[in-house]
Each structure stands twice: as C-alpha cells, then as structure tokens.
Amino acid sequence: SDYGEAAAVEMMEADNAPSPTTLILNTLKCRDASAYLCDSLRESGVLPNAFFYSGALRSYEPFNRGIFYAQDIAAYLAVAAAEPKRGYTVLDACAAPGGKTGGAAARMRGNGIIIANEIVPKRAKLPAQNVERLGIANAAVICERPDRIASALPEFFDIVMVDAPCSGEGMFRKDDTAIAEWSPEHVASCAERQKLILESAASCVAPGGCIVYSTCTFSREENEGVIEDFLGKHGDFSVEHMERLYPHSSVGEGHFVCRSRREGERPT
C-alpha cells in the first residue's frame, strides 16, 4: 500500500527474479579491469568499476587474489555517498562482511585511517579476511560496542558509515532467512536498535564530518523514521543527501542511503 498497486506488482516480480552477482574492482590492486572482461564478466553500465559476474565465484582467481570483491551496486552507492578522501578518518561501524571498508579504502588510496567494527565476533572474521585479501594497509578491524567506540574516540571521525542491521526486506529475493525472520515486531525492534547505533555514531563524528546511514530494507520505520528521530535529537546535523533504491526500478537490491552532516569546519 505504500508504493501503489502497479509498483507493488513490479517489486514482487523483481523479488522473484534471479539476483545478479556484482563485483567491484579493487583499485588498490588494479586500476583497469579491461583485461578481465569476458563472457562471464561484463561492465554494469551503472557505475565505473562495477561489473556483473555470471561464473562460479569461489573458483574465480581474480576474486581470490583480491582484484575484485563482491558487493551489491546499491550498497556500493552508499560508499559513494560517503565521499571518503585521502587523509580522512573513517569508521565503518557495522562492517561485516567488509565491502564498504573496501570501497572506502580504494578511494583513500592508503592515506588516512579506517576502523572496521563488527560487534559479533564470528562475523568480525569476514571484514578481517577481506581487509587482508584486498591489501588494505591502513585499516584496523575491531569487535566493539558502538557506545564504547564513542567513549574512546569522541568527535574523531570525518565519516561514520552505519550500514545498520535491519529487517532485510531488500534481500528477500536472495535470502530466504530474511523472509522467514520478517515480522512487524522485528521491524520495530530493528528501528530501536538503529536509533541506539546512530546515537553512538553522532558522538564519534568530528565537526564538519558526516554520518552515512544505510539499510537494505524498505520500511519507513527503519529509514526515514530513524533519520527523523535522529535529527530531532541532534540539531547540529542536517541531511545533505537521501535516496531509496528498489530492485524493480534500479540495478541491485533494495537500499536506503542518507548522508547527514554535522555543523562546523573540518580541520585542514
């Protein structure tokens, strides 16, 4: 009912269609993917350095060597919205499996600091493996609560990326678990957890810095609702960019992205 009957039908059709595998070129190791283009690897036509892959990923040697990493295009756009630059300090607050850390590292070209945090110990192994495979020398992987990071590093980061745990409605066509776990209660629970994470993120952001909040779900409660709650509590932040991506009208899975800037000037 939120989207209209025609859009709802298109979304359901998209959810029943195969989900493409997207590979992102790791420009820390390779700046030109033309030598790798073939029948199974083709340019996405959506973003530079984003490719569609149709082969077996585990046996694809350029992937195993860290030339490419797997990331949905919609999630890749969230890194683009963050606009990390050389010399920046970046916190990837909910880092697993590590794609956004990889995207930030490529843009920073080894200059600056990236902290990749994953609170769940078993999941923290994923960004650690990706940091090593992608050859990221300026990142540290930690396993901490967001509030403890905020206490230890107040107003430290130029960018805090919060790819928040969510109800995963945008993942329905590729993850049966997301379908099985969905409920209105789960949506409400996710929204409350997301608000707490953003509170800690706000404490970490330096004057002039930004939070890039993203989810792979469609519910307003977890997206615009969370942002509205956050802005109501933090008058020193304002929204610069906000967009929704749907699988029936854009390439990739569903995604929500919002960049909020803290007032002040970044020290030069």
Protein backbone atom coordinates (compact mmCIF):
# COMPACT_ATOMS: atom_id res chain seq x y z
CA SER A 1 0.00 0.00 0.00
CA ASP A 2 2.98 2.31 0.49
CA TYR A 3 4.01 2.04 -3.17
CA GLY A 4 0.78 1.73 -5.17
CA GLU A 5 -0.58 -1.42 -6.80
CA ALA A 6 1.46 -1.24 -10.01
CA ALA A 7 4.76 -0.66 -8.19
CA ALA A 8 3.94 -3.41 -5.68
CA VAL A 9 3.44 -5.89 -8.54
CA GLU A 10 6.74 -4.82 -10.13
CA MET A 11 8.53 -5.24 -6.80
CA MET A 12 7.14 -8.74 -6.35
CA GLU A 13 8.22 -9.68 -9.87
CA ALA A 14 11.71 -8.33 -9.15
CA ASP A 15 11.85 -10.31 -5.89
CA ASN A 16 11.12 -13.49 -7.88
CA ALA A 17 13.82 -12.77 -10.47
CA PRO A 18 17.42 -14.01 -10.14
CA SER A 19 19.71 -11.74 -8.16
CA PRO A 20 22.80 -10.66 -10.14
CA THR A 21 26.29 -11.13 -8.74
CA THR A 22 28.11 -7.79 -8.76
CA LEU A 23 31.87 -7.49 -8.48
CA ILE A 24 33.66 -4.23 -7.67
CA LEU A 25 37.19 -3.63 -8.96
CA ASN A 26 39.66 -3.20 -6.11
CA THR A 27 41.64 -0.23 -7.42
CA LEU A 28 44.27 -0.70 -4.72
CA LYS A 29 45.47 -3.67 -6.75
CA CYS A 30 44.25 -2.91 -10.27
CA ARG A 31 43.18 0.34 -11.91
CA ASP A 32 41.90 -1.09 -15.20
CA ALA A 33 39.67 -4.18 -15.48
CA SER A 34 39.67 -4.35 -19.29
CA ALA A 35 41.98 -7.37 -19.32
CA TYR A 36 39.45 -9.35 -17.25
CA LEU A 37 36.36 -8.64 -19.37
CA CYS A 38 34.85 -11.78 -20.90
CA ASP A 39 31.52 -13.53 -21.37
CA SER A 40 31.17 -14.07 -17.62
CA LEU A 41 32.38 -10.60 -16.56
CA ARG A 42 30.77 -7.56 -18.16
CA GLU A 43 30.53 -3.90 -17.30
CA SER A 44 27.45 -2.95 -15.31
CA GLY A 45 26.88 0.27 -17.22
CA VAL A 46 25.74 1.83 -13.95
CA LEU A 47 28.92 2.76 -12.11
CA PRO A 48 32.57 2.71 -13.09
CA ASN A 49 34.45 -0.31 -11.68
CA ALA A 50 31.20 -2.26 -11.10
CA PHE A 51 30.73 -5.48 -13.09
CA PHE A 52 28.21 -8.30 -13.42
CA TYR A 53 29.66 -11.78 -12.99
CA SER A 54 27.94 -14.99 -14.05
CA GLY A 55 30.51 -17.64 -13.15
CA ALA A 56 31.42 -19.59 -10.03
CA LEU A 57 32.83 -17.01 -7.63
CA ARG A 58 34.87 -19.32 -5.40
CA SER A 59 36.89 -20.58 -8.35
CA TYR A 60 37.38 -17.14 -9.93
CA GLU A 61 41.07 -16.43 -9.43
CA PRO A 62 40.94 -12.60 -9.73
CA PHE A 63 38.38 -12.61 -6.91
CA ASN A 64 40.52 -14.89 -4.75
CA ARG A 65 43.53 -12.63 -5.31
CA GLY A 66 41.59 -9.55 -4.25
CA ILE A 67 41.37 -7.93 -7.67
CA PHE A 68 37.59 -7.85 -7.18
CA TYR A 69 35.25 -8.04 -4.23
CA ALA A 70 31.57 -8.90 -4.18
CA GLN A 71 29.17 -6.08 -3.32
CA ASP A 72 25.70 -5.14 -4.47
CA ILE A 73 25.63 -1.97 -6.56
CA ALA A 74 23.11 -0.38 -4.21
CA ALA A 75 25.49 -0.89 -1.29
CA TYR A 76 28.35 0.47 -3.42
CA LEU A 77 26.35 3.68 -3.88
CA ALA A 78 26.31 4.13 -0.11
CA VAL A 79 30.12 4.31 -0.12
CA ALA A 80 29.97 6.81 -2.96
CA ALA A 81 27.60 8.93 -0.86
CA ALA A 82 30.15 8.98 1.97
CA GLU A 83 32.77 10.56 -0.31
CA PRO A 84 35.86 9.33 1.58
CA LYS A 85 39.06 11.09 0.59
CA ARG A 86 42.80 10.73 1.18
CA GLY A 87 43.77 11.58 4.73
CA TYR A 88 40.28 11.08 6.20
CA THR A 89 39.44 9.16 9.34
CA VAL A 90 36.63 6.69 8.67
CA LEU A 91 34.61 4.39 10.93
CA ASP A 92 32.71 1.55 9.32
CA ALA A 93 30.52 0.95 12.36
CA CYS A 94 28.76 -2.25 11.19
CA ALA A 95 31.44 -3.57 8.89
CA ALA A 96 30.74 -7.23 8.08
CA PRO A 97 31.35 -8.53 5.51
CA GLY A 98 33.68 -5.61 4.67
CA GLY A 99 32.56 -4.30 1.27
CA LYS A 100 32.11 -0.72 2.44
CA THR A 101 35.51 -0.81 4.12
CA GLY A 102 36.96 -1.94 0.81
CA GLY A 103 35.18 0.82 -1.08
CA ALA A 104 36.39 3.49 1.32
CA ALA A 105 39.96 2.17 1.22
CA ALA A 106 40.05 2.33 -2.58
CA ARG A 107 39.08 5.99 -2.51
CA MET A 108 41.58 6.84 0.24
CA ARG A 109 44.50 5.18 -1.59
CA GLY A 110 46.27 4.13 1.61
CA ASN A 111 46.24 7.62 3.14
CA GLY A 112 44.16 8.03 6.29
CA ILE A 113 42.67 5.68 8.88
CA ILE A 114 39.82 3.18 8.61
CA ILE A 115 38.36 1.43 11.63
CA ALA A 116 36.16 -1.50 10.60
CA ASN A 117 33.98 -2.56 13.52
CA GLU A 118 31.79 -5.64 13.81
CA ILE A 119 30.19 -6.32 17.18
CA VAL A 120 29.52 -10.03 16.52
CA PRO A 121 32.82 -11.91 16.97
CA LYS A 122 32.11 -14.62 14.37
CA ARG A 123 31.10 -12.01 11.78
CA ALA A 124 34.20 -9.91 12.56
CA LYS A 125 36.27 -12.55 10.81
CA LEU A 126 34.72 -11.56 7.48
CA PRO A 127 35.98 -7.94 7.32
CA ALA A 128 39.34 -9.13 8.69
CA GLN A 129 39.66 -11.63 5.83
CA ASN A 130 38.58 -9.04 3.26
CA VAL A 131 41.00 -6.39 4.55
CA GLU A 132 43.83 -8.90 4.14
CA ARG A 133 42.68 -10.19 0.73
CA LEU A 134 42.17 -6.69 -0.68
CA GLY A 135 45.56 -5.46 0.55
CA ILE A 136 44.24 -2.65 2.75
CA ALA A 137 47.18 -1.42 4.81
CA ASN A 138 45.50 1.48 6.64
CA ALA A 139 42.58 -0.37 8.26
CA ALA A 140 42.12 -1.96 11.67
CA VAL A 141 39.33 -4.46 12.36
CA ILE A 142 37.83 -4.36 15.84
CA CYS A 143 34.96 -6.05 17.66
CA GLU A 144 33.33 -3.47 19.95
CA ARG A 145 30.03 -1.95 21.03
CA PRO A 146 29.35 1.37 19.28
CA ASP A 147 28.95 3.19 22.61
CA ARG A 148 32.42 2.08 23.72
CA ILE A 149 33.93 3.38 20.47
CA ALA A 150 32.15 6.70 21.02
CA SER A 151 33.53 6.89 24.56
CA ALA A 152 37.09 6.13 23.43
CA LEU A 153 37.11 8.26 20.24
CA PRO A 154 34.74 11.22 20.66
CA GLU A 155 34.47 13.58 17.65
CA PHE A 156 37.32 11.68 15.98
CA PHE A 157 35.99 10.58 12.59
CA ASP A 158 35.41 12.55 9.40
CA ILE A 159 32.99 9.85 8.22
CA VAL A 160 30.98 7.27 10.11
CA MET A 161 29.32 4.68 7.89
CA VAL A 162 26.39 2.93 9.58
CA ASP A 163 25.14 0.05 7.43
CA ALA A 164 22.64 -0.80 10.14
CA PRO A 165 21.30 -4.25 11.00
CA CYS A 166 17.78 -4.26 9.57
CA SER A 167 14.77 -6.38 8.67
CA GLY A 168 16.31 -7.04 5.25
CA GLU A 169 13.28 -6.54 3.02
CA GLY A 170 15.58 -5.65 0.15
CA MET A 171 17.21 -9.08 0.44
CA PHE A 172 14.07 -11.18 0.02
CA ARG A 173 14.98 -12.46 -3.45
CA LYS A 174 18.40 -13.74 -2.36
CA ASP A 175 17.95 -14.66 1.31
CA ASP A 176 15.18 -16.98 2.46
CA THR A 177 16.19 -16.33 6.08
CA ALA A 178 15.21 -12.66 5.70
CA ILE A 179 11.73 -13.75 4.63
CA ALA A 180 11.38 -16.24 7.48
CA GLU A 181 12.50 -13.73 10.14
CA TRP A 182 10.36 -10.80 8.97
CA SER A 183 7.54 -9.54 11.18
CA PRO A 184 6.17 -6.13 12.24
CA GLU A 185 7.76 -6.77 15.65
CA HIS A 186 11.12 -7.43 14.02
CA VAL A 187 10.87 -4.16 12.09
CA ALA A 188 10.10 -2.23 15.30
CA SER A 189 12.97 -3.95 17.14
CA CYS A 190 15.41 -3.11 14.35
CA ALA A 191 14.35 0.53 14.37
CA GLU A 192 15.06 0.87 18.09
CA ARG A 193 18.48 -0.73 17.70
CA GLN A 194 19.28 1.52 14.74
CA LYS A 195 18.46 4.61 16.79
CA LEU A 196 20.89 3.50 19.51
CA ILE A 197 23.66 2.89 16.97
CA LEU A 198 23.14 6.35 15.47
CA GLU A 199 23.39 7.92 18.93
CA SER A 200 26.87 6.45 19.32
CA ALA A 201 27.76 7.39 15.75
CA ALA A 202 26.85 11.02 16.40
CA SER A 203 29.32 11.17 19.29
CA CYS A 204 32.08 9.87 17.03
CA VAL A 205 31.68 12.45 14.25
CA ALA A 206 34.07 15.40 14.16
CA PRO A 207 32.78 18.91 13.42
CA GLY A 208 32.17 19.16 9.68
CA GLY A 209 32.05 15.37 9.41
CA CYS A 210 29.15 13.18 8.33
CA ILE A 211 27.18 10.04 9.07
CA VAL A 212 26.13 7.88 6.13
CA TYR A 213 23.24 5.72 7.31
CA SER A 214 22.09 2.87 5.10
CA THR A 215 19.86 -0.18 5.25
CA CYS A 216 18.81 -2.91 2.82
CA THR A 217 15.15 -2.64 3.79
CA PHE A 218 12.10 -0.68 2.65
CA SER A 219 10.20 0.06 5.87
CA ARG A 220 9.77 3.71 6.64
CA GLU A 221 10.21 2.96 10.36
CA GLU A 222 13.81 1.84 9.77
CA ASN A 223 14.68 4.51 7.21
CA GLU A 224 13.10 7.97 7.19
CA GLY A 225 11.61 7.35 10.64
CA VAL A 226 15.03 6.67 12.16
CA ILE A 227 16.52 9.73 10.46
CA GLU A 228 13.68 11.97 11.64
CA ASP A 229 14.14 10.73 15.21
CA PHE A 230 17.89 11.34 14.96
CA LEU A 231 17.55 14.88 13.62
CA GLY A 232 15.04 15.69 16.34
CA LYS A 233 17.68 14.86 18.94
CA HIS A 234 20.68 16.36 17.12
CA GLY A 235 20.06 19.87 15.82
CA ASP A 236 23.70 20.17 14.78
CA PHE A 237 23.16 17.62 11.97
CA SER A 238 21.36 18.23 8.68
CA VAL A 239 20.56 15.94 5.75
CA GLU A 240 22.59 16.54 2.58
CA HIS A 241 21.55 13.51 0.55
CA MET A 242 18.85 10.86 0.86
CA GLU A 243 17.63 8.25 -1.61
CA ARG A 244 15.81 4.95 -1.88
CA LEU A 245 16.71 2.25 -4.39
CA TYR A 246 14.28 -0.50 -5.37
CA PRO A 247 15.08 -3.76 -7.20
CA HIS A 248 12.31 -3.14 -9.76
CA SER A 249 13.46 0.37 -10.71
CA SER A 250 17.23 0.32 -10.24
CA VAL A 251 20.12 -2.10 -10.58
CA GLY A 252 20.83 -4.16 -7.49
CA GLU A 253 18.88 -4.96 -4.36
CA GLY A 254 16.79 -2.57 -2.30
CA HIS A 255 18.68 0.07 -0.34
CA PHE A 256 18.19 3.29 1.61
CA VAL A 257 21.01 5.83 1.97
CA CYS A 258 21.14 9.08 3.92
CA ARG A 259 24.14 11.39 4.47
CA SER A 260 23.82 13.81 7.41
CA ARG A 261 26.47 16.47 8.00
CA ARG A 262 27.48 17.84 11.39
CA GLU A 263 27.87 21.60 11.50
CA GLY A 264 31.36 23.03 11.83
CA GLU A 265 34.53 23.02 9.79
CA ARG A 266 36.83 20.09 9.25
CA PRO A 267 40.38 20.97 10.38
CA THR A 268 42.76 21.21 7.42
